[in-house]
């Protein structure tokens, strides 16, 4: 998956269409960064890197698909 299309073109109130194209590597970098900030926000307590990753993945995918 060299390139991925995040979200189908959507119409907003001004009838503009938006398409976001990112690479899988860029998406993974965004997820890693979000996971770090989620852990930092909780003070790095109760460490669960896998949970942090899945939460961040959900957050980033929602942002890319909006």
PDB file of N, CA and C in Angstrom:
ATOM      1  N   UNK A   1       0.827  -1.170   0.000  1.00  0.00           N
ATOM      2  CA  UNK A   1       0.000   0.000   0.000  1.00  0.00           C
ATOM      3  C   UNK A   1       0.877   1.241   0.000  1.00  0.00           C
ATOM      4  N   UNK A   2       1.355   1.653  -1.112  1.00  0.00           N
ATOM      5  CA  UNK A   2       2.206   2.832  -1.189  1.00  0.00           C
ATOM      6  C   UNK A   2       1.428   4.088  -0.848  1.00  0.00           C
ATOM      7  N   UNK A   3       0.291   4.288  -1.452  1.00  0.00           N
ATOM      8  CA  UNK A   3      -0.558   5.434  -1.157  1.00  0.00           C
ATOM      9  C   UNK A   3      -1.899   4.923  -0.691  1.00  0.00           C
ATOM     10  N   UNK A   4      -2.502   5.673   0.234  1.00  0.00           N
ATOM     11  CA  UNK A   4      -3.833   5.319   0.644  1.00  0.00           C
ATOM     12  C   UNK A   4      -4.704   6.544   0.588  1.00  0.00           C
ATOM     13  N   UNK A   5      -5.906   6.363   0.210  1.00  0.00           N
ATOM     14  CA  UNK A   5      -6.861   7.462   0.166  1.00  0.00           C
ATOM     15  C   UNK A   5      -7.619   7.431   1.469  1.00  0.00           C
ATOM     16  N   UNK A   6      -7.488   8.467   2.250  1.00  0.00           N
ATOM     17  CA  UNK A   6      -8.148   8.536   3.541  1.00  0.00           C
ATOM     18  C   UNK A   6      -9.436   9.316   3.387  1.00  0.00           C
ATOM     19  N   UNK A   7     -10.510   8.635   3.301  1.00  0.00           N
ATOM     20  CA  UNK A   7     -11.795   9.292   3.199  1.00  0.00           C
ATOM     21  C   UNK A   7     -12.194   9.562   1.763  1.00  0.00           C
ATOM     22  N   UNK A   8     -13.444   9.359   1.491  1.00  0.00           N
ATOM     23  CA  UNK A   8     -13.965   9.689   0.172  1.00  0.00           C
ATOM     24  C   UNK A   8     -14.183  11.181   0.101  1.00  0.00           C
ATOM     25  N   UNK A   9     -14.184  11.747  -1.090  1.00  0.00           N
ATOM     26  CA  UNK A   9     -14.465  13.176  -1.195  1.00  0.00           C
ATOM     27  C   UNK A   9     -15.803  13.482  -0.534  1.00  0.00           C
ATOM     28  N   UNK A  10     -15.816  14.521   0.257  1.00  0.00           N
ATOM     29  CA  UNK A  10     -17.036  14.900   0.958  1.00  0.00           C
ATOM     30  C   UNK A  10     -17.393  16.330   0.617  1.00  0.00           C
ATOM     31  N   UNK A  11     -18.680  16.631   0.699  1.00  0.00           N
ATOM     32  CA  UNK A  11     -19.130  17.997   0.464  1.00  0.00           C
ATOM     33  C   UNK A  11     -19.295  18.680   1.812  1.00  0.00           C
ATOM     34  N   UNK A  12     -18.821  19.931   1.891  1.00  0.00           N
ATOM     35  CA  UNK A  12     -19.063  20.709   3.088  1.00  0.00           C
ATOM     36  C   UNK A  12     -20.052  21.811   2.756  1.00  0.00           C
ATOM     37  N   UNK A  13     -20.243  22.755   3.659  1.00  0.00           N
ATOM     38  CA  UNK A  13     -21.275  23.762   3.470  1.00  0.00           C
ATOM     39  C   UNK A  13     -21.023  24.655   2.263  1.00  0.00           C
ATOM     40  N   UNK A  14     -19.791  24.745   1.789  1.00  0.00           N
ATOM     41  CA  UNK A  14     -19.494  25.579   0.625  1.00  0.00           C
ATOM     42  C   UNK A  14     -19.408  24.747  -0.641  1.00  0.00           C
ATOM     43  N   UNK A  15     -19.854  23.495  -0.584  1.00  0.00           N
ATOM     44  CA  UNK A  15     -19.867  22.578  -1.726  1.00  0.00           C
ATOM     45  C   UNK A  15     -18.479  22.314  -2.300  1.00  0.00           C
ATOM     46  N   UNK A  16     -17.452  22.433  -1.486  1.00  0.00           N
ATOM     47  CA  UNK A  16     -16.097  22.084  -1.912  1.00  0.00           C
ATOM     48  C   UNK A  16     -15.883  20.611  -1.607  1.00  0.00           C
ATOM     49  N   UNK A  17     -15.022  19.970  -2.403  1.00  0.00           N
ATOM     50  CA  UNK A  17     -14.687  18.580  -2.141  1.00  0.00           C
ATOM     51  C   UNK A  17     -13.264  18.498  -1.612  1.00  0.00           C
ATOM     52  N   UNK A  18     -13.059  17.573  -0.678  1.00  0.00           N
ATOM     53  CA  UNK A  18     -11.748  17.407  -0.069  1.00  0.00           C
ATOM     54  C   UNK A  18     -11.329  15.951  -0.168  1.00  0.00           C
ATOM     55  N   UNK A  19     -10.126  15.706  -0.673  1.00  0.00           N
ATOM     56  CA  UNK A  19      -9.549  14.380  -0.730  1.00  0.00           C
ATOM     57  C   UNK A  19      -8.165  14.454  -0.105  1.00  0.00           C
ATOM     58  N   UNK A  20      -7.875  13.530   0.803  1.00  0.00           N
ATOM     59  CA  UNK A  20      -6.589  13.498   1.477  1.00  0.00           C
ATOM     60  C   UNK A  20      -5.844  12.249   1.032  1.00  0.00           C
ATOM     61  N   UNK A  21      -4.662  12.430   0.484  1.00  0.00           N
ATOM     62  CA  UNK A  21      -3.838  11.296   0.082  1.00  0.00           C
ATOM     63  C   UNK A  21      -2.572  11.293   0.932  1.00  0.00           C
ATOM     64  N   UNK A  22      -2.358  10.197   1.627  1.00  0.00           N
ATOM     65  CA  UNK A  22      -1.132  10.053   2.421  1.00  0.00           C
ATOM     66  C   UNK A  22      -0.586   8.651   2.199  1.00  0.00           C
ATOM     67  N   UNK A  23       0.690   8.491   2.483  1.00  0.00           N
ATOM     68  CA  UNK A  23       1.286   7.159   2.392  1.00  0.00           C
ATOM     69  C   UNK A  23       1.014   6.413   3.697  1.00  0.00           C
ATOM     70  N   UNK A  24       1.150   5.109   3.639  1.00  0.00           N
ATOM     71  CA  UNK A  24       0.993   4.295   4.849  1.00  0.00           C
ATOM     72  C   UNK A  24       2.047   4.699   5.884  1.00  0.00           C
ATOM     73  N   UNK A  25       3.239   5.035   5.429  1.00  0.00           N
ATOM     74  CA  UNK A  25       4.303   5.472   6.339  1.00  0.00           C
ATOM     75  C   UNK A  25       3.912   6.771   7.050  1.00  0.00           C
ATOM     76  N   UNK A  26       3.318   7.704   6.331  1.00  0.00           N
ATOM     77  CA  UNK A  26       2.872   8.956   6.955  1.00  0.00           C
ATOM     78  C   UNK A  26       1.770   8.689   7.975  1.00  0.00           C
ATOM     79  N   UNK A  27       0.846   7.801   7.614  1.00  0.00           N
ATOM     80  CA  UNK A  27      -0.240   7.453   8.541  1.00  0.00           C
ATOM     81  C   UNK A  27       0.323   6.825   9.818  1.00  0.00           C
ATOM     82  N   UNK A  28       1.257   5.906   9.671  1.00  0.00           N
ATOM     83  CA  UNK A  28       1.845   5.259  10.845  1.00  0.00           C
ATOM     84  C   UNK A  28       2.607   6.256  11.711  1.00  0.00           C
ATOM     85  N   UNK A  29       3.277   7.213  11.081  1.00  0.00           N
ATOM     86  CA  UNK A  29       3.975   8.250  11.841  1.00  0.00           C
ATOM     87  C   UNK A  29       2.970   9.087  12.642  1.00  0.00           C
ATOM     88  N   UNK A  30       1.863   9.432  12.028  1.00  0.00           N
ATOM     89  CA  UNK A  30       0.826  10.203  12.716  1.00  0.00           C
ATOM     90  C   UNK A  30       0.268   9.413  13.900  1.00  0.00           C
ATOM     91  N   UNK A  31       0.060   8.122  13.706  1.00  0.00           N
ATOM     92  CA  UNK A  31      -0.462   7.276  14.781  1.00  0.00           C
ATOM     93  C   UNK A  31       0.547   7.189  15.924  1.00  0.00           C
ATOM     94  N   UNK A  32       1.817   6.982  15.597  1.00  0.00           N
ATOM     95  CA  UNK A  32       2.859   6.886  16.637  1.00  0.00           C
ATOM     96  C   UNK A  32       2.931   8.173  17.448  1.00  0.00           C
ATOM     97  N   UNK A  33       2.849   9.293  16.768  1.00  0.00           N
ATOM     98  CA  UNK A  33       2.904  10.579  17.467  1.00  0.00           C
ATOM     99  C   UNK A  33       1.682  10.765  18.368  1.00  0.00           C
ATOM    100  N   UNK A  34       0.507  10.410  17.867  1.00  0.00           N
ATOM    101  CA  UNK A  34      -0.708  10.528  18.672  1.00  0.00           C
ATOM    102  C   UNK A  34      -0.656   9.598  19.880  1.00  0.00           C
ATOM    103  N   UNK A  35      -0.136   8.387  19.691  1.00  0.00           N
ATOM    104  CA  UNK A  35      -0.016   7.435  20.804  1.00  0.00           C
ATOM    105  C   UNK A  35       0.904   7.996  21.888  1.00  0.00           C
ATOM    106  N   UNK A  36       1.992   8.610  21.474  1.00  0.00           N
ATOM    107  CA  UNK A  36       2.918   9.217  22.436  1.00  0.00           C
ATOM    108  C   UNK A  36       2.219  10.323  23.224  1.00  0.00           C
ATOM    109  N   UNK A  37       1.512  11.201  22.526  1.00  0.00           N
ATOM    110  CA  UNK A  37       0.845  12.312  23.209  1.00  0.00           C
ATOM    111  C   UNK A  37      -0.280  11.829  24.115  1.00  0.00           C
ATOM    112  N   UNK A  38      -0.970  10.762  23.727  1.00  0.00           N
ATOM    113  CA  UNK A  38      -1.986  10.193  24.618  1.00  0.00           C
ATOM    114  C   UNK A  38      -1.340   9.680  25.903  1.00  0.00           C
ATOM    115  N   UNK A  39      -0.217   8.980  25.777  1.00  0.00           N
ATOM    116  CA  UNK A  39       0.498   8.473  26.956  1.00  0.00           C
ATOM    117  C   UNK A  39       1.027   9.630  27.801  1.00  0.00           C
ATOM    118  N   UNK A  40       1.556  10.641  27.151  1.00  0.00           N
ATOM    119  CA  UNK A  40       2.079  11.804  27.875  1.00  0.00           C
ATOM    120  C   UNK A  40       0.951  12.503  28.625  1.00  0.00           C
ATOM    121  N   UNK A  41      -0.200  12.627  27.984  1.00  0.00           N
ATOM    122  CA  UNK A  41      -1.344  13.293  28.606  1.00  0.00           C
ATOM    123  C   UNK A  41      -1.757  12.580  29.896  1.00  0.00           C
ATOM    124  N   UNK A  42      -1.620  11.280  29.932  1.00  0.00           N
ATOM    125  CA  UNK A  42      -1.976  10.528  31.134  1.00  0.00           C
ATOM    126  C   UNK A  42      -0.775  10.392  32.087  1.00  0.00           C
ATOM    127  N   UNK A  43       0.320  11.095  31.795  1.00  0.00           N
ATOM    128  CA  UNK A  43       1.488  11.085  32.676  1.00  0.00           C
ATOM    129  C   UNK A  43       2.303   9.814  32.579  1.00  0.00           C
ATOM    130  N   UNK A  44       2.169   9.088  31.499  1.00  0.00           N
ATOM    131  CA  UNK A  44       2.879   7.825  31.264  1.00  0.00           C
ATOM    132  C   UNK A  44       2.589   6.794  32.359  1.00  0.00           C
ATOM    133  N   UNK A  45       1.445   6.949  33.024  1.00  0.00           N
ATOM    134  CA  UNK A  45       1.027   5.995  34.049  1.00  0.00           C
ATOM    135  C   UNK A  45       0.250   4.865  33.382  1.00  0.00           C
ATOM    136  N   UNK A  46       0.252   3.702  33.993  1.00  0.00           N
ATOM    137  CA  UNK A  46      -0.455   2.523  33.504  1.00  0.00           C
ATOM    138  C   UNK A  46      -0.124   2.278  32.025  1.00  0.00           C
ATOM    139  N   UNK A  47       1.141   2.141  31.751  1.00  0.00           N
ATOM    140  CA  UNK A  47       1.625   1.974  30.371  1.00  0.00           C
ATOM    141  C   UNK A  47       0.999   0.754  29.706  1.00  0.00           C
ATOM    142  N   UNK A  48       0.472   0.978  28.530  1.00  0.00           N
ATOM    143  CA  UNK A  48      -0.078  -0.091  27.691  1.00  0.00           C
ATOM    144  C   UNK A  48       0.103   0.359  26.242  1.00  0.00           C
ATOM    145  N   UNK A  49       1.324   0.172  25.691  1.00  0.00           N
ATOM    146  CA  UNK A  49       1.616   0.664  24.337  1.00  0.00           C
ATOM    147  C   UNK A  49       0.651   0.168  23.273  1.00  0.00           C
ATOM    148  N   UNK A  50       0.185  -1.068  23.390  1.00  0.00           N
ATOM    149  CA  UNK A  50      -0.743  -1.592  22.394  1.00  0.00           C
ATOM    150  C   UNK A  50      -2.078  -0.836  22.456  1.00  0.00           C
ATOM    151  N   UNK A  51      -2.573  -0.595  23.652  1.00  0.00           N
ATOM    152  CA  UNK A  51      -3.818   0.167  23.815  1.00  0.00           C
ATOM    153  C   UNK A  51      -3.633   1.586  23.288  1.00  0.00           C
ATOM    154  N   UNK A  52      -2.490   2.189  23.618  1.00  0.00           N
ATOM    155  CA  UNK A  52      -2.189   3.539  23.131  1.00  0.00           C
ATOM    156  C   UNK A  52      -2.206   3.574  21.605  1.00  0.00           C
ATOM    157  N   UNK A  53      -1.613   2.573  20.977  1.00  0.00           N
ATOM    158  CA  UNK A  53      -1.551   2.520  19.517  1.00  0.00           C
ATOM    159  C   UNK A  53      -2.958   2.400  18.915  1.00  0.00           C
ATOM    160  N   UNK A  54      -3.773   1.491  19.448  1.00  0.00           N
ATOM    161  CA  UNK A  54      -5.113   1.289  18.889  1.00  0.00           C
ATOM    162  C   UNK A  54      -5.995   2.519  19.081  1.00  0.00           C
ATOM    163  N   UNK A  55      -5.885   3.183  20.218  1.00  0.00           N
ATOM    164  CA  UNK A  55      -6.641   4.415  20.445  1.00  0.00           C
ATOM    165  C   UNK A  55      -6.197   5.498  19.464  1.00  0.00           C
ATOM    166  N   UNK A  56      -4.890   5.652  19.303  1.00  0.00           N
ATOM    167  CA  UNK A  56      -4.354   6.652  18.379  1.00  0.00           C
ATOM    168  C   UNK A  56      -4.750   6.334  16.939  1.00  0.00           C
ATOM    169  N   UNK A  57      -4.731   5.060  16.575  1.00  0.00           N
ATOM    170  CA  UNK A  57      -5.115   4.655  15.227  1.00  0.00           C
ATOM    171  C   UNK A  57      -6.565   5.057  14.951  1.00  0.00           C
ATOM    172  N   UNK A  58      -7.428   4.840  15.922  1.00  0.00           N
ATOM    173  CA  UNK A  58      -8.835   5.218  15.774  1.00  0.00           C
ATOM    174  C   UNK A  58      -8.963   6.732  15.623  1.00  0.00           C
ATOM    175  N   UNK A  59      -8.235   7.488  16.450  1.00  0.00           N
ATOM    176  CA  UNK A  59      -8.298   8.944  16.383  1.00  0.00           C
ATOM    177  C   UNK A  59      -7.829   9.466  15.025  1.00  0.00           C
ATOM    178  N   UNK A  60      -6.706   8.979  14.566  1.00  0.00           N
ATOM    179  CA  UNK A  60      -6.130   9.456  13.298  1.00  0.00           C
ATOM    180  C   UNK A  60      -7.036   9.067  12.133  1.00  0.00           C
ATOM    181  N   UNK A  61      -7.533   7.837  12.124  1.00  0.00           N
ATOM    182  CA  UNK A  61      -8.411   7.420  11.037  1.00  0.00           C
ATOM    183  C   UNK A  61      -9.689   8.250  11.003  1.00  0.00           C
ATOM    184  N   UNK A  62     -10.222   8.604  12.167  1.00  0.00           N
ATOM    185  CA  UNK A  62     -11.400   9.462  12.204  1.00  0.00           C
ATOM    186  C   UNK A  62     -11.078  10.842  11.628  1.00  0.00           C
ATOM    187  N   UNK A  63      -9.919  11.383  11.967  1.00  0.00           N
ATOM    188  CA  UNK A  63      -9.529  12.690  11.437  1.00  0.00           C
ATOM    189  C   UNK A  63      -9.349  12.634   9.921  1.00  0.00           C
ATOM    190  N   UNK A  64      -8.725  11.585   9.437  1.00  0.00           N
ATOM    191  CA  UNK A  64      -8.477  11.471   8.002  1.00  0.00           C
ATOM    192  C   UNK A  64      -9.764  11.245   7.217  1.00  0.00           C
ATOM    193  N   UNK A  65     -10.743  10.635   7.835  1.00  0.00           N
ATOM    194  CA  UNK A  65     -11.995  10.329   7.155  1.00  0.00           C
ATOM    195  C   UNK A  65     -13.069  11.382   7.344  1.00  0.00           C
ATOM    196  N   UNK A  66     -12.740  12.451   8.039  1.00  0.00           N
ATOM    197  CA  UNK A  66     -13.757  13.485   8.249  1.00  0.00           C
ATOM    198  C   UNK A  66     -13.708  14.550   7.186  1.00  0.00           C
TER     199      UNK A  66
END
